[in-house]
Amino acid sequence: MDSSGATGEGPDAARPAVMWEQGDYSLSLTAFPVIDGLENGDPDVVVDPVVGVAVVTQTCDIVNTMPGKEHVVVCPLVEIAPGSLVNVRKGTTLVAAVLEHPPSPNVVVDLGRMASLHKSALARLERRPGFSSDAARMQFAEALERKFGRFAFPDEFNDSILAKLRDRILGAHGKAASENGKAYRSIRTARVTATPSWNAPGQREVMFHFVIEPEAEREASRAQITTTLDDHLGKLDWPAGFVAAQPLYHLVTDEQMSVAEWLVSQPIDWDFISFAGRTAV
């Protein structure tokens, strides 16, 4: 029996070892398949050298042996520059995700490439645990959710409003002594609503919902957060087809935001606001 817990032969070879979890990885597979082109309808498959592969399939599906569950999804492990690693850890880029126990400090999970791996092949790989704490494992799952679950806002709104706000937030976020930085680090998440809908013809009324951290975890007072938001939101130039709601935003705790507001709003990918503050890896 190998370190993954699988025998590598017989009926059990078609099953992954129960030990495998999302975020676990192997250095046994160092070539990653990529479809580089098409020739008469047939894929031209090449292999890229990689450090290894990490499993991104949810743990419950890894151990599920029902028909239709014969494969897991893996991403390559790659080595990146220290400067890029800083941004991955902060959550300001979604090109990769970090492991709690990487094979070396600069190795990350490349979220831009994926491949299917039969569970019989997974069972034969030498398994290494990617995580040992629930907090770090949850952060990895959140990175996957952000990468593949982001809402597709209209281009004109994204370019004129969200991108400019993101730049202002990033400019303030890293300044420890900045009152604006303290304000943004006190926000847990941000959501936005368009009325009647994002794709409706004519004017769409936009409202933001900023969910702040519990009082004991805030770096700024509610008044300072309001001052920062009023200043930055007040400088926006709204593109044609969009108009600011009155009021333009609600500042709430998670207990104060209603289920109805949550369901009709879309999350903005600004999770880096609080991501770095709760980095577990």
Protein backbone atom coordinates (compact mmCIF):
# COMPACT_ATOMS: atom_id res chain seq x y z
CA MET A 1 0.00 0.00 0.00
CA ASP A 2 1.39 3.44 -0.90
CA SER A 3 1.19 6.60 1.15
CA SER A 4 -2.18 7.53 -0.38
CA GLY A 5 -3.73 4.46 1.23
CA ALA A 6 -4.50 2.74 -2.09
CA THR A 7 -3.22 -0.67 -3.11
CA GLY A 8 -2.72 0.35 -6.74
CA GLU A 9 -4.29 -2.87 -8.02
CA GLY A 10 -7.59 -4.74 -7.88
CA PRO A 11 -11.08 -3.19 -7.50
CA ASP A 12 -9.92 -0.55 -5.07
CA ALA A 13 -7.57 0.87 -7.69
CA ALA A 14 -10.58 2.51 -9.34
CA ARG A 15 -11.26 4.45 -6.15
CA PRO A 16 -9.33 7.32 -4.61
CA ALA A 17 -8.10 6.76 -1.10
CA VAL A 18 -10.47 8.21 1.47
CA MET A 19 -7.55 10.30 2.73
CA TRP A 20 -7.57 12.53 -0.37
CA GLU A 21 -9.16 15.94 0.22
CA GLN A 22 -9.58 19.12 -1.78
CA GLY A 23 -6.23 20.90 -1.86
CA ASP A 24 -4.13 17.75 -1.48
CA TYR A 25 -1.42 17.42 -4.09
CA SER A 26 1.13 15.10 -5.62
CA LEU A 27 4.59 15.65 -7.04
CA SER A 28 4.40 12.33 -8.89
CA LEU A 29 2.73 13.89 -11.96
CA THR A 30 5.04 16.51 -13.49
CA ALA A 31 3.55 16.89 -16.99
CA PHE A 32 0.26 18.71 -17.51
CA PRO A 33 -1.84 18.23 -20.68
CA VAL A 34 -2.94 21.25 -22.71
CA ILE A 35 -4.91 21.33 -25.98
CA ASP A 36 -2.65 23.53 -28.08
CA GLY A 37 -4.67 23.45 -31.29
CA LEU A 38 -6.90 21.44 -33.62
CA GLU A 39 -5.95 19.36 -36.64
CA ASN A 40 -8.93 18.24 -38.75
CA GLY A 41 -11.11 18.38 -35.68
CA ASP A 42 -8.69 16.37 -33.53
CA PRO A 43 -7.12 18.09 -30.52
CA ASP A 44 -3.40 18.67 -30.60
CA VAL A 45 -2.36 17.83 -27.05
CA VAL A 46 0.95 18.97 -25.63
CA VAL A 47 2.29 18.61 -22.11
CA ASP A 48 3.74 21.40 -20.03
CA PRO A 49 6.31 20.69 -17.31
CA VAL A 50 4.90 21.44 -13.85
CA VAL A 51 5.94 20.93 -10.25
CA GLY A 52 2.97 18.64 -9.61
CA VAL A 53 -0.83 18.69 -9.47
CA ALA A 54 -3.36 19.66 -6.81
CA VAL A 55 -6.90 18.34 -6.51
CA VAL A 56 -9.57 21.06 -6.68
CA THR A 57 -12.61 18.77 -6.71
CA GLN A 58 -14.60 19.02 -3.48
CA THR A 59 -13.75 16.35 -0.93
CA CYS A 60 -17.25 14.87 -0.92
CA ASP A 61 -17.00 14.23 -4.67
CA ILE A 62 -13.51 12.76 -4.40
CA VAL A 63 -14.72 9.92 -2.20
CA ASN A 64 -18.00 9.47 -4.08
CA THR A 65 -17.81 6.25 -6.16
CA MET A 66 -21.23 6.50 -7.78
CA PRO A 67 -21.51 6.31 -11.60
CA GLY A 68 -20.59 9.63 -13.17
CA LYS A 69 -18.15 10.40 -10.38
CA GLU A 70 -15.15 8.56 -11.82
CA HIS A 71 -12.97 11.65 -12.28
CA VAL A 72 -11.49 14.47 -10.25
CA VAL A 73 -10.31 17.87 -11.46
CA VAL A 74 -6.69 18.86 -10.90
CA CYS A 75 -4.73 22.08 -11.42
CA PRO A 76 -0.98 22.29 -11.95
CA LEU A 77 1.46 23.36 -9.28
CA VAL A 78 3.80 26.06 -10.55
CA GLU A 79 6.53 28.21 -9.11
CA ILE A 80 6.04 31.99 -9.23
CA ALA A 81 8.14 35.02 -8.37
CA PRO A 82 8.06 36.30 -4.76
CA GLY A 83 6.41 39.55 -5.86
CA SER A 84 3.56 37.67 -7.52
CA LEU A 85 3.20 35.44 -4.46
CA VAL A 86 2.51 38.50 -2.32
CA ASN A 87 -0.49 39.43 -4.50
CA VAL A 88 -1.79 35.85 -4.48
CA ARG A 89 -1.61 35.75 -0.69
CA LYS A 90 -3.39 39.10 -0.40
CA GLY A 91 -6.14 37.93 -2.73
CA THR A 92 -5.65 40.84 -5.14
CA THR A 93 -5.16 38.42 -8.03
CA LEU A 94 -7.05 35.25 -8.87
CA VAL A 95 -4.49 33.62 -11.15
CA ALA A 96 -3.49 31.22 -8.40
CA ALA A 97 -4.24 29.96 -4.89
CA VAL A 98 -1.90 29.16 -2.05
CA LEU A 99 -1.47 25.92 -0.11
CA GLU A 100 -0.90 25.80 3.62
CA HIS A 101 1.83 23.19 3.11
CA PRO A 102 3.36 23.76 -0.35
CA PRO A 103 6.37 21.70 -1.47
CA SER A 104 8.39 24.93 -1.49
CA PRO A 105 7.48 28.53 -0.51
CA ASN A 106 6.91 29.94 -4.01
CA VAL A 107 4.84 27.04 -5.38
CA VAL A 108 1.13 27.79 -5.88
CA VAL A 109 -1.90 26.23 -7.53
CA ASP A 110 -2.38 27.63 -11.05
CA LEU A 111 -6.14 28.24 -11.37
CA GLY A 112 -5.89 29.07 -15.06
CA ARG A 113 -5.51 25.44 -16.16
CA MET A 114 -7.48 22.33 -15.25
CA ALA A 115 -7.58 18.70 -16.32
CA SER A 116 -9.63 15.60 -15.51
CA LEU A 117 -7.92 12.72 -13.76
CA HIS A 118 -9.51 9.30 -13.37
CA LYS A 119 -9.78 8.25 -9.75
CA SER A 120 -7.88 5.06 -10.49
CA ALA A 121 -4.93 7.25 -11.51
CA LEU A 122 -5.38 9.47 -8.45
CA ALA A 123 -5.21 6.42 -6.20
CA ARG A 124 -1.76 5.60 -7.59
CA LEU A 125 -0.27 9.02 -6.91
CA GLU A 126 1.73 9.78 -3.81
CA ARG A 127 -0.48 12.10 -1.78
CA ARG A 128 0.76 15.10 0.14
CA PRO A 129 -1.61 17.10 2.38
CA GLY A 130 -2.16 20.66 1.20
CA PHE A 131 -3.83 21.76 4.42
CA SER A 132 -4.11 20.83 8.08
CA SER A 133 -6.36 23.65 9.36
CA ASP A 134 -9.99 24.32 8.54
CA ALA A 135 -9.34 28.06 8.19
CA ALA A 136 -6.69 27.59 5.50
CA ARG A 137 -8.75 24.95 3.71
CA MET A 138 -11.77 27.29 3.68
CA GLN A 139 -9.63 30.11 2.29
CA PHE A 140 -8.58 27.84 -0.59
CA ALA A 141 -12.22 27.01 -1.33
CA GLU A 142 -13.04 30.73 -1.29
CA ALA A 143 -10.29 31.41 -3.82
CA LEU A 144 -11.86 28.81 -6.13
CA GLU A 145 -15.29 30.34 -5.62
CA ARG A 146 -14.00 33.82 -6.44
CA LYS A 147 -12.21 32.59 -9.54
CA PHE A 148 -15.14 30.73 -11.06
CA GLY A 149 -18.21 32.25 -9.41
CA ARG A 150 -17.79 35.95 -10.14
CA PHE A 151 -20.83 37.76 -11.49
CA ALA A 152 -20.43 39.18 -15.01
CA PHE A 153 -21.27 42.86 -14.61
CA PRO A 154 -21.91 44.92 -17.79
CA ASP A 155 -18.60 46.09 -19.25
CA GLU A 156 -19.44 49.78 -19.07
CA PHE A 157 -20.32 49.52 -15.36
CA ASN A 158 -17.29 47.39 -14.60
CA ASP A 159 -14.89 49.72 -16.42
CA SER A 160 -16.32 53.07 -15.28
CA ILE A 161 -17.35 52.24 -11.71
CA LEU A 162 -15.96 49.01 -10.27
CA ALA A 163 -12.47 49.23 -11.77
CA LYS A 164 -11.98 52.82 -10.59
CA LEU A 165 -13.24 52.04 -7.12
CA ARG A 166 -10.98 49.00 -6.97
CA ASP A 167 -7.97 51.20 -7.81
CA ARG A 168 -8.88 53.63 -5.03
CA ILE A 169 -9.38 50.82 -2.54
CA LEU A 170 -6.07 49.18 -3.45
CA GLY A 171 -4.30 52.53 -3.16
CA ALA A 172 -5.57 52.97 0.39
CA HIS A 173 -5.65 49.35 1.54
CA GLY A 174 -1.92 48.81 1.94
CA LYS A 175 -1.32 51.98 3.94
CA ALA A 176 -1.46 50.86 7.56
CA ALA A 177 -1.73 54.38 8.99
CA SER A 178 -4.23 55.65 6.40
CA GLU A 179 -7.73 56.36 7.69
CA ASN A 180 -9.11 55.24 4.32
CA GLY A 181 -7.09 52.05 4.55
CA LYS A 182 -8.43 51.35 8.03
CA ALA A 183 -11.95 51.99 6.75
CA TYR A 184 -11.65 49.52 3.87
CA ARG A 185 -10.03 46.89 6.06
CA SER A 186 -13.10 47.17 8.29
CA ILE A 187 -15.39 46.07 5.47
CA ARG A 188 -16.02 42.34 5.23
CA THR A 189 -17.62 42.24 1.78
CA ALA A 190 -19.39 44.40 -0.79
CA ARG A 191 -22.45 43.70 -2.91
CA VAL A 192 -24.37 45.75 -5.46
CA THR A 193 -27.94 45.83 -6.80
CA ALA A 194 -29.30 47.17 -10.08
CA THR A 195 -32.99 48.08 -10.39
CA PRO A 196 -34.91 46.83 -12.29
CA SER A 197 -32.06 44.56 -13.46
CA TRP A 198 -28.56 44.66 -14.95
CA ASN A 199 -29.83 43.92 -18.45
CA ALA A 200 -32.92 46.12 -18.37
CA PRO A 201 -33.29 48.75 -21.12
CA GLY A 202 -33.02 52.39 -20.14
CA GLN A 203 -31.69 53.65 -16.83
CA ARG A 204 -30.61 51.18 -14.15
CA GLU A 205 -30.49 52.42 -10.56
CA VAL A 206 -27.46 51.13 -8.66
CA MET A 207 -27.09 50.68 -4.90
CA PHE A 208 -24.09 49.32 -2.99
CA HIS A 209 -24.25 47.24 0.18
CA PHE A 210 -21.11 47.31 2.35
CA VAL A 211 -21.09 44.66 5.07
CA ILE A 212 -18.73 45.66 7.84
CA GLU A 213 -16.78 43.49 10.25
CA PRO A 214 -18.01 42.94 13.82
CA GLU A 215 -17.22 45.99 15.94
CA ALA A 216 -14.38 44.29 17.83
CA GLU A 217 -12.61 43.51 14.54
CA ARG A 218 -12.91 46.93 12.88
CA GLU A 219 -9.91 49.19 12.46
CA ALA A 220 -12.10 52.25 11.83
CA SER A 221 -15.25 53.63 13.37
CA ARG A 222 -18.52 53.51 11.51
CA ALA A 223 -18.27 57.29 11.07
CA GLN A 224 -14.83 57.02 9.44
CA ILE A 225 -16.03 54.25 7.11
CA THR A 226 -18.92 56.49 6.07
CA THR A 227 -16.56 59.42 5.45
CA THR A 228 -14.31 57.30 3.23
CA LEU A 229 -17.18 55.86 1.22
CA ASP A 230 -18.84 59.26 0.77
CA ASP A 231 -15.58 60.70 -0.53
CA HIS A 232 -14.73 57.89 -2.97
CA LEU A 233 -18.24 57.11 -4.19
CA GLY A 234 -18.97 60.80 -4.62
CA LYS A 235 -16.17 61.11 -7.21
CA LEU A 236 -17.62 58.52 -9.59
CA ASP A 237 -18.65 59.48 -13.13
CA TRP A 238 -21.64 57.32 -13.99
CA PRO A 239 -21.75 55.87 -17.51
CA ALA A 240 -24.80 56.17 -19.73
CA GLY A 241 -27.55 53.81 -18.66
CA PHE A 242 -26.67 53.87 -14.96
CA VAL A 243 -27.71 56.22 -12.18
CA ALA A 244 -26.87 56.31 -8.48
CA ALA A 245 -29.61 55.28 -6.06
CA GLN A 246 -30.58 57.58 -3.21
CA PRO A 247 -29.00 56.71 -0.89
CA LEU A 248 -26.18 55.25 -2.98
CA TYR A 249 -25.15 52.69 -0.36
CA HIS A 250 -26.13 50.91 2.82
CA LEU A 251 -23.54 50.29 5.52
CA VAL A 252 -24.64 47.24 7.50
CA THR A 253 -23.48 44.36 9.64
CA ASP A 254 -24.28 40.85 8.47
CA GLU A 255 -27.14 40.74 10.99
CA GLN A 256 -28.61 43.96 9.57
CA MET A 257 -28.64 42.91 5.92
CA SER A 258 -31.91 41.24 5.03
CA VAL A 259 -32.16 37.95 3.18
CA ALA A 260 -34.08 39.76 0.42
CA GLU A 261 -31.26 42.29 -0.05
CA TRP A 262 -28.70 39.51 -0.15
CA LEU A 263 -30.63 37.50 -2.75
CA VAL A 264 -31.20 40.38 -5.19
CA SER A 265 -27.63 41.73 -4.93
CA GLN A 266 -24.45 40.48 -6.56
CA PRO A 267 -21.07 40.15 -4.81
CA ILE A 268 -18.27 42.40 -6.02
CA ASP A 269 -14.86 40.79 -6.29
CA TRP A 270 -13.28 42.99 -3.67
CA ASP A 271 -12.78 40.18 -1.18
CA PHE A 272 -9.13 41.21 -0.98
CA ILE A 273 -10.41 44.00 1.29
CA SER A 274 -10.72 41.54 4.16
CA PHE A 275 -8.88 38.56 2.61
CA ALA A 276 -5.41 39.63 3.71
CA GLY A 277 -6.57 40.40 7.21
CA ARG A 278 -7.67 36.81 7.75
CA THR A 279 -4.95 35.07 5.75
CA ALA A 280 -4.45 31.65 7.24
CA VAL A 281 -1.56 30.48 5.06
